[in-house]
């Protein structure tokens, strides 16, 4: 009874984790096309900047979002993966987070330029939300306790070393009292 409940909860947890990754991917795509920065700057003039404007940051985020969505969609491959393969959504979310940091750094540089400066818009915040959701879902997928595989123990070596001669031997048959040990 208890194992059935635990397996049901583990299945729901992995479904919720995949949903978080998929929502994060959707937020990354939506945030890419929303405005990231608007306003008037001293050196650049009027700035109306989103993810696909000129730098290409948004296109990288869209590619990462597609990879995250594909990863979240095919659940059988996720459940059959080994331990290292389950960290892929986290790694993709970290890369998306680094792209977001580069974009926010460029944006804050333009915000403080000039008397009026530009204003950071909602797109950067939606991208940040997507990064957080994708990372949280990836973390839950990677750390799912029901999918942990215990590595098998190495085969136990039966036998040893003869103290008198130093030769190694292994026991190939059942040893009975009074019967000599079979040596290879």
N, C-alpha and C. Protein backbone atom coordinates (compact mmCIF):
# COMPACT_ATOMS: atom_id res chain seq x y z
N UNK A 1 0.83 -1.20 0.00
CA UNK A 1 0.00 0.00 0.00
C UNK A 1 0.86 1.25 0.00
N UNK A 2 1.87 1.24 0.87
CA UNK A 2 2.70 2.42 0.99
C UNK A 2 3.54 2.65 -0.26
N UNK A 3 4.05 1.57 -0.84
CA UNK A 3 4.87 1.73 -2.04
C UNK A 3 4.02 2.23 -3.22
N UNK A 4 2.75 1.85 -3.26
CA UNK A 4 1.87 2.33 -4.31
C UNK A 4 1.65 3.83 -4.19
N UNK A 5 1.43 4.30 -2.97
CA UNK A 5 1.24 5.74 -2.74
C UNK A 5 2.51 6.49 -3.08
N UNK A 6 3.64 5.94 -2.67
CA UNK A 6 4.91 6.61 -2.98
C UNK A 6 5.16 6.68 -4.47
N UNK A 7 4.83 5.61 -5.20
CA UNK A 7 5.04 5.64 -6.65
C UNK A 7 4.10 6.62 -7.33
N UNK A 8 2.87 6.72 -6.83
CA UNK A 8 1.94 7.71 -7.39
C UNK A 8 2.45 9.12 -7.16
N UNK A 9 2.92 9.40 -5.94
CA UNK A 9 3.43 10.75 -5.65
C UNK A 9 4.68 11.04 -6.47
N UNK A 10 5.53 10.06 -6.65
CA UNK A 10 6.73 10.27 -7.46
C UNK A 10 6.36 10.56 -8.91
N UNK A 11 5.33 9.86 -9.42
CA UNK A 11 4.89 10.12 -10.79
C UNK A 11 4.32 11.50 -10.94
N UNK A 12 3.56 11.95 -9.95
CA UNK A 12 3.02 13.32 -10.01
C UNK A 12 4.13 14.34 -9.91
N UNK A 13 5.10 14.07 -9.07
CA UNK A 13 6.19 15.02 -8.89
C UNK A 13 6.95 15.21 -10.20
N UNK A 14 7.20 14.12 -10.91
CA UNK A 14 7.93 14.23 -12.17
C UNK A 14 7.08 14.93 -13.22
N UNK A 15 5.75 14.72 -13.18
CA UNK A 15 4.87 15.44 -14.12
C UNK A 15 4.88 16.93 -13.82
N UNK A 16 4.82 17.29 -12.54
CA UNK A 16 4.87 18.71 -12.18
C UNK A 16 6.22 19.32 -12.55
N UNK A 17 7.27 18.57 -12.40
CA UNK A 17 8.59 19.06 -12.77
C UNK A 17 8.67 19.30 -14.27
N UNK A 18 8.14 18.36 -15.06
CA UNK A 18 8.12 18.58 -16.52
C UNK A 18 7.26 19.76 -16.89
N UNK A 19 6.15 19.96 -16.16
CA UNK A 19 5.30 21.12 -16.43
C UNK A 19 6.04 22.41 -16.11
N UNK A 20 6.82 22.42 -15.04
CA UNK A 20 7.62 23.62 -14.71
C UNK A 20 8.64 23.91 -15.81
N UNK A 21 9.29 22.88 -16.30
CA UNK A 21 10.27 23.08 -17.37
C UNK A 21 9.58 23.62 -18.62
N UNK A 22 8.43 23.06 -18.96
CA UNK A 22 7.69 23.52 -20.15
C UNK A 22 7.21 24.96 -19.97
N UNK A 23 6.69 25.30 -18.78
CA UNK A 23 6.27 26.69 -18.52
C UNK A 23 7.45 27.64 -18.57
N UNK A 24 8.59 27.21 -18.07
CA UNK A 24 9.79 28.03 -18.16
C UNK A 24 10.19 28.28 -19.61
N UNK A 25 10.06 27.24 -20.44
CA UNK A 25 10.39 27.40 -21.86
C UNK A 25 9.43 28.37 -22.54
N UNK A 26 8.15 28.27 -22.22
CA UNK A 26 7.16 29.19 -22.80
C UNK A 26 7.44 30.62 -22.33
N UNK A 27 7.79 30.80 -21.06
CA UNK A 27 8.10 32.14 -20.55
C UNK A 27 9.35 32.70 -21.21
N UNK A 28 10.35 31.84 -21.48
CA UNK A 28 11.55 32.31 -22.18
C UNK A 28 11.22 32.83 -23.57
N UNK A 29 10.39 32.10 -24.29
CA UNK A 29 10.02 32.53 -25.65
C UNK A 29 9.18 33.81 -25.59
N UNK A 30 8.21 33.85 -24.68
CA UNK A 30 7.36 35.05 -24.57
C UNK A 30 8.18 36.26 -24.16
N UNK A 31 9.07 36.09 -23.19
CA UNK A 31 9.89 37.21 -22.74
C UNK A 31 10.86 37.70 -23.80
N UNK A 32 11.25 36.83 -24.71
CA UNK A 32 12.16 37.22 -25.78
C UNK A 32 11.51 38.23 -26.72
N UNK A 33 10.22 38.05 -26.98
CA UNK A 33 9.54 38.94 -27.93
C UNK A 33 8.90 40.15 -27.26
N UNK A 34 8.81 40.15 -25.95
CA UNK A 34 8.32 41.34 -25.23
C UNK A 34 9.44 42.39 -25.18
N UNK A 35 9.08 43.66 -24.98
CA UNK A 35 10.14 44.69 -24.90
C UNK A 35 11.02 44.51 -23.66
N UNK A 36 12.33 44.67 -23.86
CA UNK A 36 13.28 44.55 -22.77
C UNK A 36 13.69 45.92 -22.25
N UNK A 37 13.76 46.91 -23.13
CA UNK A 37 14.26 48.23 -22.74
C UNK A 37 13.66 49.27 -23.66
N UNK A 38 13.16 50.35 -23.08
CA UNK A 38 12.62 51.47 -23.85
C UNK A 38 13.02 52.77 -23.20
N UNK A 39 13.25 53.76 -24.04
CA UNK A 39 13.54 55.08 -23.50
C UNK A 39 14.50 55.86 -24.36
N UNK A 40 14.98 56.96 -23.78
CA UNK A 40 15.87 57.88 -24.47
C UNK A 40 17.22 57.86 -23.76
N UNK A 41 18.28 57.64 -24.53
CA UNK A 41 19.62 57.65 -23.96
C UNK A 41 20.45 58.73 -24.62
N UNK A 42 21.53 59.07 -23.97
CA UNK A 42 22.38 60.16 -24.43
C UNK A 42 23.11 59.81 -25.73
N UNK A 43 23.68 58.64 -25.79
CA UNK A 43 24.50 58.26 -26.93
C UNK A 43 23.76 57.45 -27.99
N UNK A 44 22.76 56.70 -27.60
CA UNK A 44 22.05 55.82 -28.53
C UNK A 44 20.74 56.41 -29.03
N UNK A 45 20.31 57.50 -28.46
CA UNK A 45 19.04 58.10 -28.87
C UNK A 45 17.87 57.31 -28.32
N UNK A 46 16.85 57.15 -29.13
CA UNK A 46 15.67 56.40 -28.70
C UNK A 46 15.98 54.91 -28.78
N UNK A 47 15.73 54.23 -27.68
CA UNK A 47 16.00 52.79 -27.59
C UNK A 47 14.69 52.06 -27.41
N UNK A 48 14.44 51.11 -28.30
CA UNK A 48 13.30 50.20 -28.17
C UNK A 48 13.86 48.82 -28.48
N UNK A 49 14.19 48.09 -27.43
CA UNK A 49 15.01 46.90 -27.56
C UNK A 49 14.28 45.70 -26.97
N UNK A 50 14.23 44.61 -27.73
CA UNK A 50 13.75 43.35 -27.19
C UNK A 50 14.77 42.27 -27.50
N UNK A 51 14.45 41.02 -27.24
CA UNK A 51 15.42 39.94 -27.38
C UNK A 51 15.89 39.68 -28.79
N UNK A 52 15.05 39.97 -29.77
CA UNK A 52 15.43 39.69 -31.15
C UNK A 52 15.86 40.95 -31.90
N UNK A 53 16.09 42.04 -31.21
CA UNK A 53 16.41 43.30 -31.87
C UNK A 53 17.71 43.24 -32.67
N UNK A 54 18.84 43.20 -31.98
CA UNK A 54 20.08 43.29 -32.73
C UNK A 54 21.18 42.39 -32.21
N UNK A 55 21.20 42.08 -30.95
CA UNK A 55 22.32 41.35 -30.37
C UNK A 55 22.24 39.84 -30.56
N UNK A 56 21.06 39.29 -30.70
CA UNK A 56 20.92 37.85 -30.87
C UNK A 56 20.75 37.09 -29.57
N UNK A 57 20.67 37.81 -28.44
CA UNK A 57 20.47 37.13 -27.16
C UNK A 57 19.14 36.39 -27.14
N UNK A 58 18.13 37.01 -27.69
CA UNK A 58 16.81 36.40 -27.68
C UNK A 58 16.74 35.15 -28.53
N UNK A 59 17.47 35.13 -29.65
CA UNK A 59 17.46 33.94 -30.50
C UNK A 59 18.12 32.76 -29.79
N UNK A 60 19.17 33.03 -29.05
CA UNK A 60 19.80 31.97 -28.26
C UNK A 60 18.82 31.47 -27.20
N UNK A 61 18.10 32.39 -26.58
CA UNK A 61 17.10 31.99 -25.58
C UNK A 61 15.98 31.17 -26.20
N UNK A 62 15.57 31.50 -27.42
CA UNK A 62 14.53 30.73 -28.10
C UNK A 62 15.02 29.31 -28.39
N UNK A 63 16.27 29.18 -28.84
CA UNK A 63 16.82 27.84 -29.09
C UNK A 63 16.88 27.04 -27.79
N UNK A 64 17.34 27.67 -26.70
CA UNK A 64 17.37 26.99 -25.41
C UNK A 64 15.97 26.61 -24.94
N UNK A 65 14.99 27.49 -25.19
CA UNK A 65 13.61 27.19 -24.80
C UNK A 65 13.07 26.01 -25.60
N UNK A 66 13.40 25.94 -26.88
CA UNK A 66 12.95 24.80 -27.70
C UNK A 66 13.56 23.51 -27.16
N UNK A 67 14.84 23.54 -26.83
CA UNK A 67 15.49 22.35 -26.26
C UNK A 67 14.85 21.96 -24.93
N UNK A 68 14.54 22.95 -24.10
CA UNK A 68 13.87 22.66 -22.82
C UNK A 68 12.49 22.06 -23.04
N UNK A 69 11.76 22.60 -23.98
CA UNK A 69 10.41 22.09 -24.24
C UNK A 69 10.46 20.67 -24.80
N UNK A 70 11.38 20.41 -25.71
CA UNK A 70 11.53 19.06 -26.26
C UNK A 70 11.91 18.09 -25.14
N UNK A 71 12.80 18.51 -24.27
CA UNK A 71 13.21 17.66 -23.15
C UNK A 71 12.03 17.37 -22.23
N UNK A 72 11.20 18.37 -21.98
CA UNK A 72 10.06 18.19 -21.08
C UNK A 72 8.95 17.38 -21.73
N UNK A 73 8.85 17.43 -23.02
CA UNK A 73 7.74 16.78 -23.71
C UNK A 73 7.88 15.27 -23.76
N UNK A 74 9.09 14.77 -24.01
CA UNK A 74 9.27 13.34 -24.16
C UNK A 74 9.67 12.74 -22.82
N UNK A 75 8.65 12.36 -22.05
CA UNK A 75 8.89 11.91 -20.68
C UNK A 75 9.54 10.54 -20.61
N UNK A 76 9.28 9.70 -21.57
CA UNK A 76 9.88 8.36 -21.49
C UNK A 76 11.39 8.43 -21.58
N UNK A 77 11.89 9.33 -22.38
CA UNK A 77 13.35 9.44 -22.45
C UNK A 77 13.91 10.01 -21.15
N UNK A 78 13.17 10.89 -20.51
CA UNK A 78 13.64 11.46 -19.24
C UNK A 78 13.69 10.37 -18.18
N UNK A 79 12.66 9.54 -18.12
CA UNK A 79 12.60 8.53 -17.09
C UNK A 79 13.61 7.41 -17.32
N UNK A 80 14.02 7.21 -18.56
CA UNK A 80 14.98 6.14 -18.85
C UNK A 80 16.43 6.62 -18.81
N UNK A 81 16.63 7.91 -18.64
CA UNK A 81 18.00 8.43 -18.68
C UNK A 81 18.76 8.08 -17.41
N UNK A 82 20.07 8.11 -17.56
CA UNK A 82 20.90 7.89 -16.39
C UNK A 82 20.96 9.18 -15.56
N UNK A 83 21.66 9.12 -14.49
CA UNK A 83 21.70 10.24 -13.53
C UNK A 83 22.24 11.52 -14.16
N UNK A 84 23.27 11.43 -14.96
CA UNK A 84 23.86 12.63 -15.55
C UNK A 84 22.96 13.26 -16.60
N UNK A 85 22.25 12.46 -17.36
CA UNK A 85 21.37 12.99 -18.40
C UNK A 85 20.18 13.74 -17.85
N UNK A 86 19.84 13.46 -16.61
CA UNK A 86 18.70 14.13 -15.99
C UNK A 86 19.03 15.57 -15.58
N UNK A 87 20.30 15.96 -15.61
CA UNK A 87 20.70 17.32 -15.25
C UNK A 87 20.66 18.28 -16.45
N UNK A 88 20.30 17.78 -17.62
CA UNK A 88 20.29 18.62 -18.83
C UNK A 88 19.38 19.84 -18.69
N UNK A 89 18.14 19.73 -18.16
CA UNK A 89 17.32 20.94 -18.03
C UNK A 89 17.95 21.99 -17.12
N UNK A 90 18.61 21.54 -16.06
CA UNK A 90 19.29 22.50 -15.17
C UNK A 90 20.42 23.21 -15.91
N UNK A 91 21.17 22.45 -16.67
CA UNK A 91 22.28 23.05 -17.42
C UNK A 91 21.77 24.05 -18.45
N UNK A 92 20.70 23.70 -19.16
CA UNK A 92 20.13 24.63 -20.14
C UNK A 92 19.58 25.88 -19.46
N UNK A 93 18.97 25.71 -18.28
CA UNK A 93 18.46 26.87 -17.54
C UNK A 93 19.60 27.76 -17.04
N UNK A 94 20.71 27.16 -16.65
CA UNK A 94 21.86 27.96 -16.22
C UNK A 94 22.42 28.76 -17.39
N UNK A 95 22.50 28.14 -18.56
CA UNK A 95 22.97 28.88 -19.75
C UNK A 95 22.02 30.02 -20.07
N UNK A 96 20.71 29.76 -19.99
CA UNK A 96 19.73 30.82 -20.22
C UNK A 96 19.87 31.92 -19.18
N UNK A 97 20.17 31.55 -17.95
CA UNK A 97 20.39 32.55 -16.90
C UNK A 97 21.61 33.41 -17.17
N UNK A 98 22.66 32.80 -17.70
CA UNK A 98 23.85 33.58 -18.04
C UNK A 98 23.57 34.54 -19.20
N UNK A 99 22.80 34.10 -20.18
CA UNK A 99 22.40 34.99 -21.27
C UNK A 99 21.57 36.14 -20.71
N UNK A 100 20.67 35.84 -19.78
CA UNK A 100 19.85 36.88 -19.15
C UNK A 100 20.74 37.87 -18.39
N UNK A 101 21.76 37.37 -17.69
CA UNK A 101 22.67 38.28 -16.97
C UNK A 101 23.40 39.21 -17.93
N UNK A 102 23.81 38.70 -19.07
CA UNK A 102 24.46 39.55 -20.08
C UNK A 102 23.49 40.63 -20.55
N UNK A 103 22.24 40.23 -20.82
CA UNK A 103 21.25 41.19 -21.30
C UNK A 103 20.91 42.23 -20.24
N UNK A 104 20.76 41.82 -18.99
CA UNK A 104 20.42 42.79 -17.94
C UNK A 104 21.58 43.74 -17.69
N UNK A 105 22.79 43.25 -17.88
CA UNK A 105 23.95 44.13 -17.72
C UNK A 105 24.00 45.19 -18.81
N UNK A 106 23.70 44.79 -20.04
CA UNK A 106 23.62 45.77 -21.13
C UNK A 106 22.50 46.76 -20.87
N UNK A 107 21.38 46.25 -20.39
CA UNK A 107 20.23 47.12 -20.14
C UNK A 107 20.51 48.12 -19.03
N UNK A 108 21.13 47.68 -17.96
CA UNK A 108 21.40 48.62 -16.86
C UNK A 108 22.44 49.66 -17.27
N UNK A 109 23.33 49.29 -18.19
CA UNK A 109 24.27 50.28 -18.71
C UNK A 109 23.55 51.38 -19.47
N UNK A 110 22.50 51.03 -20.19
CA UNK A 110 21.74 52.03 -20.93
C UNK A 110 20.75 52.77 -20.03
N UNK A 111 20.35 52.17 -18.93
CA UNK A 111 19.41 52.83 -18.03
C UNK A 111 20.06 54.05 -17.40
N UNK A 112 21.31 53.92 -17.01
CA UNK A 112 21.97 55.03 -16.32
C UNK A 112 22.69 55.98 -17.27
N UNK A 113 22.47 55.84 -18.57
CA UNK A 113 23.10 56.70 -19.54
C UNK A 113 22.18 57.88 -19.82
N UNK A 114 22.64 59.05 -19.62
CA UNK A 114 21.85 60.25 -19.94
C UNK A 114 20.96 60.70 -18.80
N UNK A 115 20.34 61.85 -18.98
CA UNK A 115 19.52 62.42 -17.90
C UNK A 115 18.22 61.64 -17.67
N UNK A 116 17.58 61.22 -18.74
CA UNK A 116 16.33 60.48 -18.59
C UNK A 116 16.58 58.99 -18.45
N UNK A 117 17.49 58.48 -19.26
CA UNK A 117 17.79 57.06 -19.24
C UNK A 117 16.66 56.25 -19.85
N UNK A 118 16.92 55.01 -20.02
CA UNK A 118 15.90 54.10 -20.54
C UNK A 118 15.30 53.32 -19.38
N UNK A 119 14.17 52.72 -19.63
CA UNK A 119 13.48 51.95 -18.60
C UNK A 119 13.52 50.48 -18.94
N UNK A 120 13.86 49.66 -17.96
CA UNK A 120 13.80 48.21 -18.15
C UNK A 120 12.33 47.81 -18.22
N UNK A 121 11.99 47.01 -19.21
CA UNK A 121 10.60 46.64 -19.44
C UNK A 121 10.32 45.21 -18.98
N UNK A 122 9.11 44.78 -19.18
CA UNK A 122 8.62 43.53 -18.64
C UNK A 122 9.28 42.30 -19.26
N UNK A 123 9.79 42.38 -20.45
CA UNK A 123 10.37 41.23 -21.13
C UNK A 123 11.52 40.60 -20.38
N UNK A 124 12.40 41.43 -19.81
CA UNK A 124 13.52 40.89 -19.05
C UNK A 124 13.05 40.16 -17.80
N UNK A 125 11.99 40.64 -17.19
CA UNK A 125 11.47 39.99 -15.99
C UNK A 125 10.78 38.67 -16.33
N UNK A 126 10.11 38.62 -17.48
CA UNK A 126 9.48 37.37 -17.92
C UNK A 126 10.55 36.33 -18.26
N UNK A 127 11.65 36.76 -18.86
CA UNK A 127 12.75 35.85 -19.14
C UNK A 127 13.34 35.32 -17.84
N UNK A 128 13.51 36.20 -16.85
CA UNK A 128 14.02 35.77 -15.54
C UNK A 128 13.08 34.75 -14.90
N UNK A 129 11.78 34.98 -15.01
CA UNK A 129 10.80 34.02 -14.49
C UNK A 129 10.93 32.68 -15.21
N UNK A 130 11.11 32.71 -16.51
CA UNK A 130 11.29 31.48 -17.28
C UNK A 130 12.53 30.72 -16.86
N UNK A 131 13.62 31.44 -16.60
CA UNK A 131 14.85 30.79 -16.16
C UNK A 131 14.63 30.11 -14.82
N UNK A 132 13.97 30.81 -13.89
CA UNK A 132 13.72 30.25 -12.56
C UNK A 132 12.82 29.02 -12.65
N UNK A 133 11.75 29.10 -13.44
CA UNK A 133 10.84 27.96 -13.58
C UNK A 133 11.54 26.75 -14.21
N UNK A 134 12.31 27.00 -15.26
CA UNK A 134 13.02 25.90 -15.93
C UNK A 134 14.04 25.27 -15.01
N UNK A 135 14.75 26.10 -14.24
CA UNK A 135 15.74 25.56 -13.32
C UNK A 135 15.08 24.76 -12.21
N UNK A 136 13.97 25.27 -11.67
CA UNK A 136 13.27 24.55 -10.60
C UNK A 136 12.75 23.21 -11.10
N UNK A 137 12.16 23.18 -12.28
CA UNK A 137 11.69 21.93 -12.85
C UNK A 137 12.82 20.97 -13.14
N UNK A 138 13.91 21.49 -13.68
CA UNK A 138 15.07 20.65 -13.95
C UNK A 138 15.68 20.08 -12.68
N UNK A 139 15.69 20.88 -11.63
CA UNK A 139 16.20 20.41 -10.34
C UNK A 139 15.33 19.27 -9.81
N UNK A 140 14.01 19.42 -9.92
CA UNK A 140 13.12 18.36 -9.45
C UNK A 140 13.26 17.09 -10.29
N UNK A 141 13.48 17.25 -11.59
CA UNK A 141 13.69 16.07 -12.43
C UNK A 141 14.99 15.38 -12.05
N UNK A 142 16.05 16.16 -11.87
CA UNK A 142 17.35 15.57 -11.59
C UNK A 142 17.42 14.94 -10.20
N UNK A 143 16.73 15.50 -9.24
CA UNK A 143 16.80 15.02 -7.87
C UNK A 143 15.65 14.13 -7.47
N UNK A 144 14.94 13.57 -8.44
CA UNK A 144 13.79 12.71 -8.14
C UNK A 144 14.27 11.43 -7.47
N UNK A 145 13.86 11.21 -6.22
CA UNK A 145 14.37 10.03 -5.51
C UNK A 145 13.84 8.71 -6.06
N UNK A 146 12.70 8.72 -6.72
CA UNK A 146 12.17 7.46 -7.23
C UNK A 146 12.95 6.97 -8.44
N UNK A 147 13.71 7.83 -9.08
CA UNK A 147 14.46 7.45 -10.27
C UNK A 147 15.92 7.15 -9.98
N UNK A 148 16.30 7.19 -8.73
CA UNK A 148 17.70 6.92 -8.39
C UNK A 148 18.02 5.45 -8.64
N UNK A 149 19.11 5.24 -9.24
CA UNK A 149 19.56 3.88 -9.47
C UNK A 149 20.77 3.62 -8.59
N UNK A 150 20.70 2.56 -7.85
CA UNK A 150 21.82 2.20 -7.00
C UNK A 150 22.80 1.41 -7.85
N UNK A 151 24.03 1.81 -7.82
CA UNK A 151 25.02 1.10 -8.63
C UNK A 151 25.26 -0.27 -8.00
N UNK A 152 25.35 -1.28 -8.85
CA UNK A 152 25.56 -2.62 -8.30
C UNK A 152 26.94 -2.74 -7.67
N UNK A 153 27.01 -3.58 -6.67
CA UNK A 153 28.30 -3.82 -6.02
C UNK A 153 29.21 -4.58 -6.98
N UNK A 154 30.50 -4.35 -6.88
CA UNK A 154 31.41 -5.12 -7.73
C UNK A 154 31.33 -6.59 -7.34
N UNK A 155 31.58 -7.48 -8.28
CA UNK A 155 31.49 -8.91 -7.94
C UNK A 155 32.49 -9.26 -6.83
N UNK A 156 32.00 -10.04 -5.91
CA UNK A 156 32.83 -10.42 -4.78
C UNK A 156 33.82 -11.49 -5.22
N UNK A 157 35.02 -11.28 -4.87
CA UNK A 157 36.06 -12.23 -5.25
C UNK A 157 36.12 -13.33 -4.20
N UNK A 158 35.91 -14.52 -4.67
CA UNK A 158 35.96 -15.67 -3.78
C UNK A 158 37.32 -16.30 -3.94
N UNK A 159 38.03 -16.42 -2.87
CA UNK A 159 39.36 -17.01 -2.91
C UNK A 159 40.32 -16.15 -2.14
N UNK A 160 41.55 -16.20 -2.49
CA UNK A 160 42.56 -15.42 -1.78
C UNK A 160 43.94 -15.78 -2.25
N UNK A 161 44.91 -15.57 -1.37
CA UNK A 161 46.31 -15.83 -1.67
C UNK A 161 46.82 -16.88 -0.68
N UNK A 162 47.48 -17.88 -1.20
CA UNK A 162 48.05 -18.92 -0.36
C UNK A 162 49.25 -18.33 0.37
N UNK A 163 49.24 -18.43 1.69
CA UNK A 163 50.32 -17.82 2.49
C UNK A 163 51.65 -18.54 2.30
N UNK A 164 51.60 -19.81 2.05
CA UNK A 164 52.84 -20.57 1.94
C UNK A 164 53.52 -20.33 0.60
N UNK A 165 52.77 -20.37 -0.49
CA UNK A 165 53.38 -20.25 -1.82
C UNK A 165 53.20 -18.87 -2.43
N UNK A 166 52.21 -18.08 -1.96
CA UNK A 166 51.95 -16.76 -2.53
C UNK A 166 51.09 -16.81 -3.77
N UNK A 167 50.64 -18.01 -4.17
CA UNK A 167 49.81 -18.15 -5.36
C UNK A 167 48.36 -17.77 -5.03
N UNK A 168 47.69 -17.19 -6.02
CA UNK A 168 46.28 -16.85 -5.84
C UNK A 168 45.43 -18.05 -6.19
N UNK A 169 44.30 -18.16 -5.53
CA UNK A 169 43.39 -19.25 -5.83
C UNK A 169 41.97 -18.74 -5.72
N UNK A 170 41.06 -19.46 -6.33
CA UNK A 170 39.64 -19.15 -6.19
C UNK A 170 38.90 -20.44 -5.91
N UNK A 171 37.84 -20.34 -5.18
CA UNK A 171 37.05 -21.51 -4.84
C UNK A 171 36.02 -21.69 -5.94
N UNK A 172 36.07 -22.81 -6.62
CA UNK A 172 35.13 -23.06 -7.70
C UNK A 172 34.05 -24.04 -7.31
N UNK A 173 34.22 -24.74 -6.23
CA UNK A 173 33.23 -25.69 -5.77
C UNK A 173 32.94 -25.43 -4.30
N UNK A 174 31.86 -26.00 -3.84
CA UNK A 174 31.50 -25.90 -2.44
C UNK A 174 32.57 -26.60 -1.59
N UNK A 175 33.05 -25.91 -0.58
CA UNK A 175 34.09 -26.47 0.27
C UNK A 175 33.43 -27.23 1.41
N UNK A 176 33.80 -28.49 1.54
CA UNK A 176 33.27 -29.30 2.63
C UNK A 176 34.41 -29.56 3.61
N UNK A 177 34.07 -29.68 4.87
CA UNK A 177 35.12 -29.97 5.86
C UNK A 177 35.85 -31.28 5.53
N UNK A 178 37.14 -31.27 5.63
CA UNK A 178 37.93 -32.46 5.37
C UNK A 178 38.28 -32.64 3.92
N UNK A 179 37.74 -31.86 3.03
CA UNK A 179 38.04 -31.98 1.60
C UNK A 179 39.01 -30.87 1.23
N UNK A 180 40.05 -31.15 0.44
CA UNK A 180 41.00 -30.09 0.09
C UNK A 180 40.38 -29.04 -0.82
N UNK A 181 40.92 -27.82 -0.76
CA UNK A 181 40.45 -26.70 -1.57
C UNK A 181 40.93 -26.88 -3.01
N UNK A 182 40.05 -26.70 -3.96
CA UNK A 182 40.41 -26.78 -5.39
C UNK A 182 41.09 -25.48 -5.76
N UNK A 183 42.28 -25.59 -6.34
CA UNK A 183 43.03 -24.40 -6.73
C UNK A 183 43.10 -24.30 -8.24
N UNK A 184 42.98 -23.09 -8.77
CA UNK A 184 43.07 -22.89 -10.23
C UNK A 184 44.50 -22.81 -10.68
